[in-house]
Amino acid sequence: MPQRRRSVALAGVSLVAAVALLWGAAQHVVGAQPAAGAAAPASTSAAAPRLTGLPDFTVLVDEVGPSVVNIRTVERVQPRESDPAAPDEDMREFFRRFGIPLPPGALPRGPQRPDRGPEQRQRGVGSGFVYSADGFVMTNAHVVDGADEVIVTLPDKREFKARVVGADKRTDVALVKIDATGLKPVRIGDVERLKVGEWVMAIGSPFGLDNTVTAGIVSAKQRETGDFLPFIQTDVAINPGNSGGPLINMRGEVVGINSQIYSRSGGFMGISFAIPIDEAVRVAEQLKANGKVTRGRIGVAIEPVDKELAESLGLPRPGGALVRGVEDGSPAAKAGIEPGDIILRFDGKAIEKSADLPRIVGNTKPGTRATVEVWRRGASKTLTVTVGTFEDESAAASATEEPKTAKAGPLGLTVRELTAAERRELKVAGGVRVAEVAGPAATAGLRPGDVIVGLGNQTIASVREFERAVAEWPKGRPVSLLIRRGDWAQWVLVRP
């Protein structure tokens, strides 16, 4: 019997506790105030984000779809026998986009017909959108690069032969013009309002499938993948043929131009990049007015500023661009900028990271007198620079061409031409850079990267002069080479 009473007592305690818990829960549900002296429970419901379901893109498709166009490019090539292993048009666009040479015989599939004439046509596919009602269409520069004809197809199936107004390879933006009426231009959005995690949509022609709609979210902003562009990263499905199409926010505004993907397979892998529309519009307006883009330059080589360097120099925090070198006679040299300076602000704009400087300078009109704030020997200093003109597109293209190379078999050397940038950096008028070293040259201590500026008593200014000098040198006789290694020059004797 005592045992039974004890059990009842324990049960009574449990019942009281349960009632107390239920009463507290009820008070919380009806929003009752806590008793005097009791701490108010922390409420997280007001601060928690609310998800209202997946977005409906149908309105955006109806609004923006009529402004998105398909772009076909035609390139004339000499006819040759068809190769059944040649890539199709979708893969051809991928090869050209990423600068991969086409395999031999990479022409459209199918048997050759005698009535095709002396030339055969090779096509690529891309996308674009109506920039203005008077017929200007914006797309990627790589879509129209090298094309002999550009054909724009509207969503209502009308086709027009387009004229390339201009293309800027550095930002991958191009502007073409068609003579059409009844065009509906897109609305341009504000990239500054775009947020990471925000829903976005793309319309384009992946693999030639016109008016294909894909959607996703903004994965990151200010993604640095080039000198002049902070890309928008998304997980919107982008594939070959989407290039040049618009990236659209939930207000129906274009916030970017789909341009690149990160891929190990050639297809979409969850990461794509878009050109911010504000940068694209800035380029397009220059193309529209002048047919080309003019950029500013000051003539400095820069690198990032990390935490350790900032602390050692007394900077409050990492930031700015460390000047690694200054070109002789450049605007920066004339303004008094020195190697070792850290550029903190340019023309009133803060340089948060080194990649900001070329973009801000490039967007500055040549001839502008701009203030430059630098950090030098523990204190800030303000200078004034007159912005110069960046080299034009043709000069930039020639600078990126594969330099000429030559081999000097008896010496064990492979050399190549110096680029214009390398000549400026080394402050030399000519010379050849050592690409590979073997045999006698390796034994003599030459290294890849050395610059040969003299052979015997002869100055070496180019690969052709180097080849001629080696050919005329007496066989079996040791060759004396004057080389530059960094800032030092020295003679090296190579015994064949």
Protein backbone atom coordinates (compact mmCIF):
# COMPACT_ATOMS: atom_id res chain seq x y z
CA MET A 1 0.00 0.00 0.00
CA PRO A 2 2.72 2.58 0.77
CA GLN A 3 4.25 1.71 -2.55
CA ARG A 4 0.97 2.52 -4.30
CA ARG A 5 0.66 5.93 -2.59
CA ARG A 6 4.19 6.78 -3.65
CA SER A 7 3.37 6.00 -7.24
CA VAL A 8 0.33 8.22 -7.13
CA ALA A 9 2.38 11.04 -5.63
CA LEU A 10 4.95 10.77 -8.41
CA ALA A 11 2.20 10.76 -10.98
CA GLY A 12 0.73 13.87 -9.33
CA VAL A 13 4.02 15.71 -9.72
CA SER A 14 4.18 14.73 -13.41
CA LEU A 15 0.60 15.88 -13.97
CA VAL A 16 1.32 19.31 -12.44
CA ALA A 17 4.39 19.73 -14.63
CA ALA A 18 2.43 18.78 -17.73
CA VAL A 19 -0.31 21.29 -16.91
CA ALA A 20 2.31 23.99 -16.42
CA LEU A 21 3.85 23.25 -19.80
CA LEU A 22 0.49 23.31 -21.56
CA TRP A 23 -0.42 26.60 -19.87
CA GLY A 24 2.87 28.20 -20.96
CA ALA A 25 2.35 27.01 -24.54
CA ALA A 26 -1.18 28.40 -24.56
CA GLN A 27 0.03 31.74 -23.24
CA HIS A 28 2.70 31.85 -26.04
CA VAL A 29 0.12 31.04 -28.73
CA VAL A 30 -2.34 33.77 -27.68
CA GLY A 31 0.49 36.24 -27.13
CA ALA A 32 -0.02 36.68 -23.37
CA GLN A 33 2.49 38.86 -21.58
CA PRO A 34 4.89 37.12 -19.18
CA ALA A 35 4.41 37.46 -15.47
CA ALA A 36 5.96 40.41 -13.73
CA GLY A 37 9.67 39.92 -13.20
CA ALA A 38 9.87 37.10 -15.76
CA ALA A 39 12.17 37.49 -18.76
CA ALA A 40 10.37 37.81 -22.09
CA PRO A 41 11.14 34.88 -24.42
CA ALA A 42 13.23 35.76 -27.48
CA SER A 43 11.07 35.71 -30.61
CA THR A 44 12.70 34.75 -33.90
CA SER A 45 9.57 34.66 -36.04
CA ALA A 46 9.71 38.37 -36.90
CA ALA A 47 13.34 38.23 -38.12
CA ALA A 48 13.09 34.93 -40.00
CA PRO A 49 13.02 35.27 -43.82
CA ARG A 50 9.75 34.38 -45.51
CA LEU A 51 9.60 32.17 -48.59
CA THR A 52 6.43 32.70 -50.58
CA GLY A 53 6.95 29.94 -53.12
CA LEU A 54 8.68 29.65 -56.49
CA PRO A 55 8.42 32.61 -58.88
CA ASP A 56 6.22 32.62 -61.98
CA PHE A 57 8.29 33.56 -65.04
CA THR A 58 5.42 33.54 -67.55
CA VAL A 59 4.85 37.30 -67.35
CA LEU A 60 8.56 37.94 -67.94
CA VAL A 61 8.61 35.66 -70.98
CA ASP A 62 5.64 37.50 -72.49
CA GLU A 63 7.25 40.86 -71.80
CA VAL A 64 10.89 40.25 -72.80
CA GLY A 65 10.53 37.35 -75.25
CA PRO A 66 9.64 39.58 -78.26
CA SER A 67 12.92 41.49 -77.78
CA VAL A 68 15.24 38.45 -77.90
CA VAL A 69 16.68 37.47 -81.29
CA ASN A 70 18.55 34.57 -82.82
CA ILE A 71 21.84 35.38 -84.56
CA ARG A 72 23.39 33.21 -87.26
CA THR A 73 26.81 33.96 -88.65
CA VAL A 74 28.15 32.88 -92.02
CA GLU A 75 31.83 32.42 -92.79
CA ARG A 76 32.99 31.60 -96.30
CA VAL A 77 35.61 28.87 -96.57
CA GLN A 78 37.22 26.99 -99.42
CA PRO A 79 35.44 23.71 -100.16
CA ARG A 80 37.08 20.44 -99.25
CA GLU A 81 36.07 16.85 -98.87
CA SER A 82 33.65 16.27 -96.01
CA ASP A 83 34.94 14.58 -92.91
CA PRO A 84 32.39 12.38 -91.12
CA ALA A 85 34.24 13.02 -87.87
CA ALA A 86 33.95 16.80 -88.16
CA PRO A 87 32.13 18.56 -85.32
CA ASP A 88 28.57 19.77 -85.82
CA GLU A 89 27.53 23.41 -85.63
CA ASP A 90 26.92 23.40 -81.87
CA MET A 91 30.41 22.16 -81.10
CA ARG A 92 31.88 24.52 -83.70
CA GLU A 93 30.43 27.49 -81.79
CA PHE A 94 31.97 26.11 -78.60
CA PHE A 95 35.39 25.73 -80.27
CA ARG A 96 35.33 29.28 -81.58
CA ARG A 97 34.03 30.77 -78.30
CA PHE A 98 36.93 29.41 -76.26
CA GLY A 99 39.59 29.94 -78.92
CA ILE A 100 40.19 26.24 -79.62
CA PRO A 101 41.41 25.59 -83.19
CA LEU A 102 39.00 23.57 -85.30
CA PRO A 103 40.21 20.08 -86.22
CA PRO A 104 41.31 19.58 -89.84
CA GLY A 105 38.33 19.15 -92.13
CA ALA A 106 35.90 20.66 -89.63
CA LEU A 107 33.27 21.70 -92.15
CA PRO A 108 29.51 21.11 -92.17
CA ARG A 109 28.61 17.46 -92.47
CA GLY A 110 27.06 15.95 -95.53
CA PRO A 111 28.17 15.02 -99.04
CA GLN A 112 29.69 17.62 -101.33
CA ARG A 113 27.52 18.75 -104.20
CA PRO A 114 28.98 20.08 -107.44
CA ASP A 115 26.38 22.90 -107.61
CA ARG A 116 27.60 24.51 -104.36
CA GLY A 117 30.18 26.55 -106.28
CA PRO A 118 33.78 27.29 -105.42
CA GLU A 119 33.04 28.23 -101.78
CA GLN A 120 31.25 26.61 -98.90
CA ARG A 121 29.53 28.27 -95.95
CA GLN A 122 30.23 27.59 -92.33
CA ARG A 123 27.74 28.76 -89.66
CA GLY A 124 27.66 29.65 -85.98
CA VAL A 125 24.70 30.35 -83.72
CA GLY A 126 24.21 32.89 -80.96
CA SER A 127 21.66 35.16 -79.33
CA GLY A 128 21.06 38.87 -78.88
CA PHE A 129 18.41 41.39 -77.89
CA VAL A 130 16.92 44.60 -79.27
CA TYR A 131 18.80 47.50 -77.71
CA SER A 132 16.85 50.32 -79.34
CA ALA A 133 13.73 50.67 -81.48
CA ASP A 134 15.73 51.97 -84.45
CA GLY A 135 17.32 48.57 -85.07
CA PHE A 136 20.39 48.30 -82.86
CA VAL A 137 20.90 44.79 -81.44
CA MET A 138 23.35 43.95 -78.65
CA THR A 139 25.23 40.63 -78.51
CA ASN A 140 28.67 39.18 -77.69
CA ALA A 141 31.73 40.11 -79.73
CA HIS A 142 32.68 36.45 -80.04
CA VAL A 143 29.32 35.69 -81.70
CA VAL A 144 30.06 37.93 -84.70
CA ASP A 145 33.86 37.66 -84.72
CA GLY A 146 35.17 36.63 -88.13
CA ALA A 147 31.72 36.46 -89.72
CA ASP A 148 31.24 37.40 -93.38
CA GLU A 149 27.48 37.67 -92.86
CA VAL A 150 25.32 38.15 -89.78
CA ILE A 151 21.65 37.15 -89.99
CA VAL A 152 19.23 38.21 -87.26
CA THR A 153 15.94 36.32 -86.84
CA LEU A 154 13.18 37.94 -84.80
CA PRO A 155 10.68 35.95 -82.70
CA ASP A 156 8.03 36.63 -85.39
CA LYS A 157 10.33 34.76 -87.84
CA ARG A 158 11.36 37.82 -89.84
CA GLU A 159 15.00 37.62 -90.97
CA PHE A 160 17.37 40.50 -91.61
CA LYS A 161 20.96 40.76 -92.77
CA ALA A 162 22.74 42.76 -90.07
CA ARG A 163 25.64 45.20 -90.24
CA VAL A 164 28.26 44.95 -87.51
CA VAL A 165 28.52 48.46 -86.07
CA GLY A 166 31.41 47.54 -83.79
CA ALA A 167 32.77 44.84 -81.51
CA ASP A 168 34.95 45.16 -78.42
CA LYS A 169 36.86 41.97 -77.68
CA ARG A 170 38.08 43.14 -74.29
CA THR A 171 34.57 43.26 -72.86
CA ASP A 172 33.05 40.80 -75.38
CA VAL A 173 30.31 43.28 -76.37
CA ALA A 174 29.15 43.88 -79.94
CA LEU A 175 26.49 46.04 -81.56
CA VAL A 176 24.82 45.16 -84.87
CA LYS A 177 22.20 47.07 -86.88
CA ILE A 178 19.17 45.79 -88.78
CA ASP A 179 16.68 47.73 -90.92
CA ALA A 180 13.45 46.65 -89.28
CA THR A 181 10.30 48.25 -87.91
CA GLY A 182 8.02 47.32 -85.03
CA LEU A 183 10.92 46.42 -82.73
CA LYS A 184 10.46 46.28 -78.97
CA PRO A 185 13.62 47.27 -77.09
CA VAL A 186 14.42 45.80 -73.69
CA ARG A 187 14.33 47.77 -70.47
CA ILE A 188 17.75 48.27 -68.89
CA GLY A 189 18.04 47.40 -65.20
CA ASP A 190 20.19 48.69 -62.37
CA VAL A 191 23.02 46.28 -61.57
CA GLU A 192 23.62 48.01 -58.24
CA ARG A 193 20.18 46.80 -57.06
CA LEU A 194 20.91 43.21 -58.05
CA LYS A 195 21.40 40.97 -55.02
CA VAL A 196 23.05 37.61 -54.54
CA GLY A 197 20.31 34.98 -54.23
CA GLU A 198 17.89 36.92 -56.43
CA TRP A 199 15.98 35.03 -59.13
CA VAL A 200 17.02 35.73 -62.73
CA MET A 201 16.04 34.34 -66.12
CA ALA A 202 17.76 33.87 -69.48
CA ILE A 203 16.31 33.64 -72.97
CA GLY A 204 18.42 32.49 -75.91
CA SER A 205 19.15 29.86 -78.53
CA PRO A 206 21.21 27.08 -76.88
CA PHE A 207 22.28 24.57 -79.53
CA GLY A 208 20.15 26.55 -82.00
CA LEU A 209 16.89 25.98 -80.09
CA ASP A 210 15.30 29.41 -80.42
CA ASN A 211 13.45 31.15 -77.58
CA THR A 212 14.63 28.74 -74.88
CA VAL A 213 13.97 29.98 -71.33
CA THR A 214 16.10 28.97 -68.34
CA ALA A 215 16.14 30.34 -64.80
CA GLY A 216 18.19 30.33 -61.61
CA ILE A 217 19.63 32.69 -59.04
CA VAL A 218 22.51 35.14 -58.82
CA SER A 219 25.39 33.13 -57.32
CA ALA A 220 27.87 36.00 -56.89
CA LYS A 221 28.63 39.52 -58.03
CA GLN A 222 31.89 41.26 -58.87
CA ARG A 223 33.44 37.97 -59.98
CA GLU A 224 36.83 38.91 -61.38
CA THR A 225 37.62 36.98 -64.56
CA GLY A 226 39.02 39.78 -66.73
CA ASP A 227 40.76 43.14 -66.66
CA PHE A 228 37.75 45.27 -67.44
CA LEU A 229 34.73 43.29 -66.25
CA PRO A 230 33.42 42.23 -62.84
CA PHE A 231 31.10 39.43 -64.02
CA ILE A 232 27.76 38.39 -62.58
CA GLN A 233 27.89 34.69 -61.67
CA THR A 234 24.63 32.70 -61.85
CA ASP A 235 23.46 29.09 -61.90
CA VAL A 236 21.18 29.76 -64.88
CA ALA A 237 21.64 27.02 -67.50
CA ILE A 238 23.75 28.56 -70.30
CA ASN A 239 25.03 26.52 -73.24
CA PRO A 240 26.62 27.19 -76.64
CA GLY A 241 24.15 29.40 -78.51
CA ASN A 242 23.03 31.29 -75.40
CA SER A 243 25.94 33.69 -75.86
CA GLY A 244 24.76 37.27 -76.31
CA GLY A 245 21.30 36.69 -74.85
CA PRO A 246 19.89 38.75 -71.96
CA LEU A 247 19.95 37.99 -68.24
CA ILE A 248 16.66 39.30 -66.85
CA ASN A 249 15.60 40.18 -63.30
CA MET A 250 12.13 39.67 -61.83
CA ARG A 251 11.13 43.19 -62.87
CA GLY A 252 11.58 42.31 -66.52
CA GLU A 253 14.78 44.35 -66.85
CA VAL A 254 18.01 43.23 -68.51
CA VAL A 255 20.84 43.20 -65.98
CA GLY A 256 23.47 41.32 -67.98
CA ILE A 257 24.57 39.66 -71.22
CA ASN A 258 25.19 35.91 -70.94
CA SER A 259 28.76 35.41 -72.08
CA GLN A 260 30.73 32.55 -70.52
CA ILE A 261 30.43 29.26 -68.70
CA TYR A 262 32.79 27.33 -66.48
CA SER A 263 32.90 23.81 -67.88
CA ARG A 264 35.15 20.78 -68.12
CA SER A 265 32.87 19.07 -70.62
CA GLY A 266 31.83 21.89 -72.96
CA GLY A 267 28.30 21.93 -71.53
CA PHE A 268 26.65 23.65 -68.57
CA MET A 269 27.98 22.58 -65.16
CA GLY A 270 26.16 24.99 -62.86
CA ILE A 271 28.35 28.08 -63.23
CA SER A 272 27.78 30.78 -65.84
CA PHE A 273 28.88 34.38 -66.19
CA ALA A 274 27.13 37.46 -67.51
CA ILE A 275 28.50 40.88 -68.46
CA PRO A 276 26.94 43.55 -66.21
CA ILE A 277 24.57 45.61 -68.34
CA ASP A 278 25.93 48.96 -67.13
CA GLU A 279 29.38 48.04 -68.47
CA ALA A 280 27.83 46.72 -71.70
CA VAL A 281 25.79 49.90 -72.25
CA ARG A 282 28.89 52.05 -71.74
CA VAL A 283 30.68 50.07 -74.45
CA ALA A 284 27.65 49.95 -76.77
CA GLU A 285 27.22 53.73 -76.68
CA GLN A 286 30.85 54.20 -77.76
CA LEU A 287 30.44 51.61 -80.52
CA LYS A 288 27.27 53.36 -81.65
CA ALA A 289 28.98 56.75 -81.77
CA ASN A 290 32.46 55.86 -83.03
CA GLY A 291 32.47 52.20 -84.06
CA LYS A 292 35.19 51.49 -81.50
CA VAL A 293 35.94 51.86 -77.80
CA THR A 294 38.50 54.32 -76.47
CA ARG A 295 39.94 53.64 -73.02
CA GLY A 296 42.22 55.46 -70.69
CA ARG A 297 45.59 54.27 -69.45
CA ILE A 298 48.30 55.59 -67.15
CA GLY A 299 51.09 53.02 -67.72
CA VAL A 300 51.60 51.11 -64.47
CA ALA A 301 52.03 47.44 -63.64
CA ILE A 302 50.16 46.53 -60.46
CA GLU A 303 49.55 43.70 -58.02
CA PRO A 304 47.25 43.11 -55.02
CA VAL A 305 47.93 44.35 -51.49
CA ASP A 306 47.57 41.58 -48.89
CA LYS A 307 47.20 41.87 -45.11
CA GLU A 308 50.89 41.35 -44.32
CA LEU A 309 52.02 44.01 -46.80
CA ALA A 310 49.41 46.48 -45.56
CA GLU A 311 50.55 46.00 -41.94
CA SER A 312 54.21 46.37 -42.84
CA LEU A 313 53.54 49.66 -44.65
CA GLY A 314 51.25 51.07 -41.98
CA LEU A 315 48.07 50.91 -44.02
CA PRO A 316 44.91 50.79 -41.87
CA ARG A 317 43.57 47.85 -43.89
CA PRO A 318 44.41 45.85 -47.03
CA GLY A 319 43.30 47.59 -50.20
CA GLY A 320 44.47 49.57 -53.18
CA ALA A 321 46.85 48.59 -55.96
CA LEU A 322 50.59 48.18 -55.42
CA VAL A 323 52.59 49.77 -58.25
CA ARG A 324 55.11 47.17 -59.35
CA GLY A 325 56.50 49.15 -62.28
CA VAL A 326 56.03 52.43 -64.15
CA GLU A 327 56.56 52.76 -67.91
CA ASP A 328 59.07 55.35 -69.01
CA GLY A 329 57.39 58.41 -70.42
CA SER A 330 53.94 57.21 -69.40
CA PRO A 331 51.27 59.45 -67.83
CA ALA A 332 52.03 57.83 -64.45
CA ALA A 333 55.76 58.58 -64.76
CA LYS A 334 55.06 62.20 -65.69
CA ALA A 335 52.71 62.51 -62.70
CA GLY A 336 55.41 61.32 -60.29
CA ILE A 337 53.98 57.88 -59.47
CA GLU A 338 56.77 55.57 -58.32
CA PRO A 339 57.25 51.81 -58.02
CA GLY A 340 56.25 50.82 -54.50
CA ASP A 341 53.42 53.35 -54.28
CA ILE A 342 49.99 52.00 -53.37
CA ILE A 343 47.20 53.69 -55.32
CA LEU A 344 44.26 54.15 -52.94
CA ARG A 345 41.95 56.40 -54.97
CA PHE A 346 41.72 57.42 -58.62
CA ASP A 347 39.65 60.38 -59.76
CA GLY A 348 37.78 60.33 -56.46
CA LYS A 349 36.92 56.62 -56.66
CA ALA A 350 38.22 54.20 -54.02
CA ILE A 351 40.42 51.32 -55.17
CA GLU A 352 39.18 48.50 -52.95
CA LYS A 353 41.21 45.86 -54.78
CA SER A 354 43.85 46.00 -57.48
CA ALA A 355 41.45 44.86 -60.22
CA ASP A 356 39.42 48.04 -59.70
CA LEU A 357 42.20 50.28 -61.02
CA PRO A 358 42.38 49.16 -64.69
CA ARG A 359 38.59 49.22 -64.89
CA ILE A 360 38.28 52.72 -63.44
CA VAL A 361 41.17 54.08 -65.50
CA GLY A 362 39.85 52.37 -68.63
CA ASN A 363 36.47 54.04 -68.17
CA THR A 364 38.10 57.47 -67.83
CA LYS A 365 38.15 59.59 -70.97
CA PRO A 366 41.67 60.07 -72.37
CA GLY A 367 42.94 63.58 -71.75
CA THR A 368 41.19 63.85 -68.38
CA ARG A 369 43.24 65.33 -65.53
CA ALA A 370 42.56 63.02 -62.60
CA THR A 371 43.73 63.08 -59.00
CA VAL A 372 45.54 60.01 -57.69
CA GLU A 373 45.92 59.32 -53.98
CA VAL A 374 48.92 57.12 -53.21
CA TRP A 375 50.38 55.69 -50.02
CA ARG A 376 54.12 56.37 -49.92
CA ARG A 377 56.49 55.84 -47.00
CA GLY A 378 53.77 55.77 -44.35
CA ALA A 379 51.69 58.72 -45.54
CA SER A 380 49.16 59.52 -48.23
CA LYS A 381 50.08 61.83 -51.11
CA THR A 382 47.89 63.32 -53.83
CA LEU A 383 49.17 63.57 -57.41
CA THR A 384 47.59 64.69 -60.68
CA VAL A 385 47.81 62.55 -63.82
CA THR A 386 46.67 63.25 -67.36
CA VAL A 387 45.07 60.03 -68.60
CA GLY A 388 46.50 58.63 -71.83
CA THR A 389 44.90 56.47 -74.51
CA PHE A 390 44.87 52.69 -74.35
CA GLU A 391 46.12 50.85 -77.43
CA ASP A 392 43.43 50.13 -79.98
CA GLU A 393 41.92 46.72 -80.62
CA SER A 394 44.17 45.90 -83.58
CA ALA A 395 47.28 46.63 -81.53
CA ALA A 396 45.95 44.52 -78.68
CA ALA A 397 45.19 41.66 -81.06
CA SER A 398 48.69 41.77 -82.56
CA ALA A 399 50.17 41.74 -79.07
CA THR A 400 48.35 38.50 -78.26
CA GLU A 401 49.31 36.66 -81.44
CA GLU A 402 51.55 33.66 -81.08
CA PRO A 403 55.11 35.06 -81.22
CA LYS A 404 57.55 33.72 -83.79
CA THR A 405 59.94 31.07 -82.49
CA ALA A 406 63.20 29.57 -83.72
CA LYS A 407 65.53 26.75 -82.72
CA ALA A 408 69.30 26.86 -82.62
CA GLY A 409 70.06 23.14 -82.63
CA PRO A 410 73.84 23.30 -82.09
CA LEU A 411 73.33 25.53 -79.05
CA GLY A 412 70.34 23.67 -77.60
CA LEU A 413 68.18 26.81 -77.56
CA THR A 414 64.61 27.61 -78.56
CA VAL A 415 63.86 31.34 -78.60
CA ARG A 416 60.85 33.51 -79.39
CA GLU A 417 60.10 37.14 -80.13
CA LEU A 418 59.54 39.57 -77.29
CA THR A 419 56.07 41.05 -77.05
CA ALA A 420 55.59 44.81 -76.91
CA ALA A 421 54.66 44.57 -73.24
CA GLU A 422 57.83 42.59 -72.46
CA ARG A 423 60.00 45.15 -74.25
CA ARG A 424 58.41 47.93 -72.22
CA GLU A 425 58.84 46.02 -68.97
CA LEU A 426 62.49 45.18 -69.66
CA LYS A 427 63.17 48.62 -71.18
CA VAL A 428 64.86 47.11 -74.22
CA ALA A 429 64.41 47.92 -77.91
CA GLY A 430 64.68 44.29 -78.96
CA GLY A 431 65.96 40.84 -78.15
CA VAL A 432 64.67 37.27 -78.02
CA ARG A 433 63.38 35.37 -75.01
CA VAL A 434 64.68 31.88 -74.26
CA ALA A 435 61.74 29.43 -74.35
CA GLU A 436 63.56 26.08 -73.99
CA VAL A 437 67.09 25.12 -72.95
CA ALA A 438 68.97 21.87 -73.55
CA GLY A 439 72.48 20.57 -74.29
CA PRO A 440 75.30 23.13 -74.44
CA ALA A 441 73.06 26.07 -73.47
CA ALA A 442 71.86 24.29 -70.34
CA THR A 443 75.45 23.39 -69.44
CA ALA A 444 76.44 27.05 -69.82
CA GLY A 445 73.73 28.04 -67.32
CA LEU A 446 71.08 29.61 -69.54
CA ARG A 447 67.50 29.41 -68.28
CA PRO A 448 64.05 29.74 -69.82
CA GLY A 449 63.03 33.38 -69.51
CA ASP A 450 66.50 34.80 -70.17
CA VAL A 451 66.55 37.48 -72.85
CA ILE A 452 69.34 37.37 -75.44
CA VAL A 453 70.22 40.90 -76.59
CA GLY A 454 73.58 40.21 -78.22
CA LEU A 455 75.60 37.48 -79.95
CA GLY A 456 79.32 38.20 -80.21
CA ASN A 457 79.62 41.82 -81.31
CA GLN A 458 76.19 41.83 -82.96
CA THR A 459 73.02 43.22 -81.39
CA ILE A 460 70.06 40.83 -81.50
CA ALA A 461 66.72 42.58 -81.99
CA SER A 462 64.55 39.78 -83.40
CA VAL A 463 64.29 36.06 -84.03
CA ARG A 464 65.34 36.59 -87.65
CA GLU A 465 68.56 38.34 -86.60
CA PHE A 466 69.25 35.58 -84.07
CA GLU A 467 68.81 32.88 -86.73
CA ARG A 468 71.10 34.71 -89.14
CA ALA A 469 73.76 35.34 -86.50
CA VAL A 470 73.82 31.67 -85.44
CA ALA A 471 73.98 30.51 -89.07
CA GLU A 472 76.94 32.82 -89.82
CA TRP A 473 78.86 31.93 -86.65
CA PRO A 474 81.90 29.70 -87.34
CA LYS A 475 81.03 26.07 -86.62
CA GLY A 476 82.56 24.58 -83.49
CA ARG A 477 83.57 27.96 -82.09
CA PRO A 478 82.22 28.96 -78.65
CA VAL A 479 79.36 31.45 -78.88
CA SER A 480 79.31 34.46 -76.55
CA LEU A 481 75.77 35.58 -75.70
CA LEU A 482 74.84 38.79 -73.93
CA ILE A 483 71.74 38.03 -71.86
CA ARG A 484 69.38 39.96 -69.59
CA ARG A 485 68.17 38.19 -66.47
CA GLY A 486 65.90 40.46 -64.51
CA ASP A 487 67.66 43.79 -64.11
CA TRP A 488 71.12 42.28 -64.66
CA ALA A 489 73.07 41.79 -67.88
CA GLN A 490 75.88 39.26 -68.29
CA TRP A 491 77.91 37.42 -70.92
CA VAL A 492 77.52 33.63 -71.21
CA LEU A 493 79.86 31.44 -73.24
CA VAL A 494 78.13 28.48 -74.93
CA ARG A 495 80.37 25.72 -76.28
CA PRO A 496 78.61 23.73 -79.05
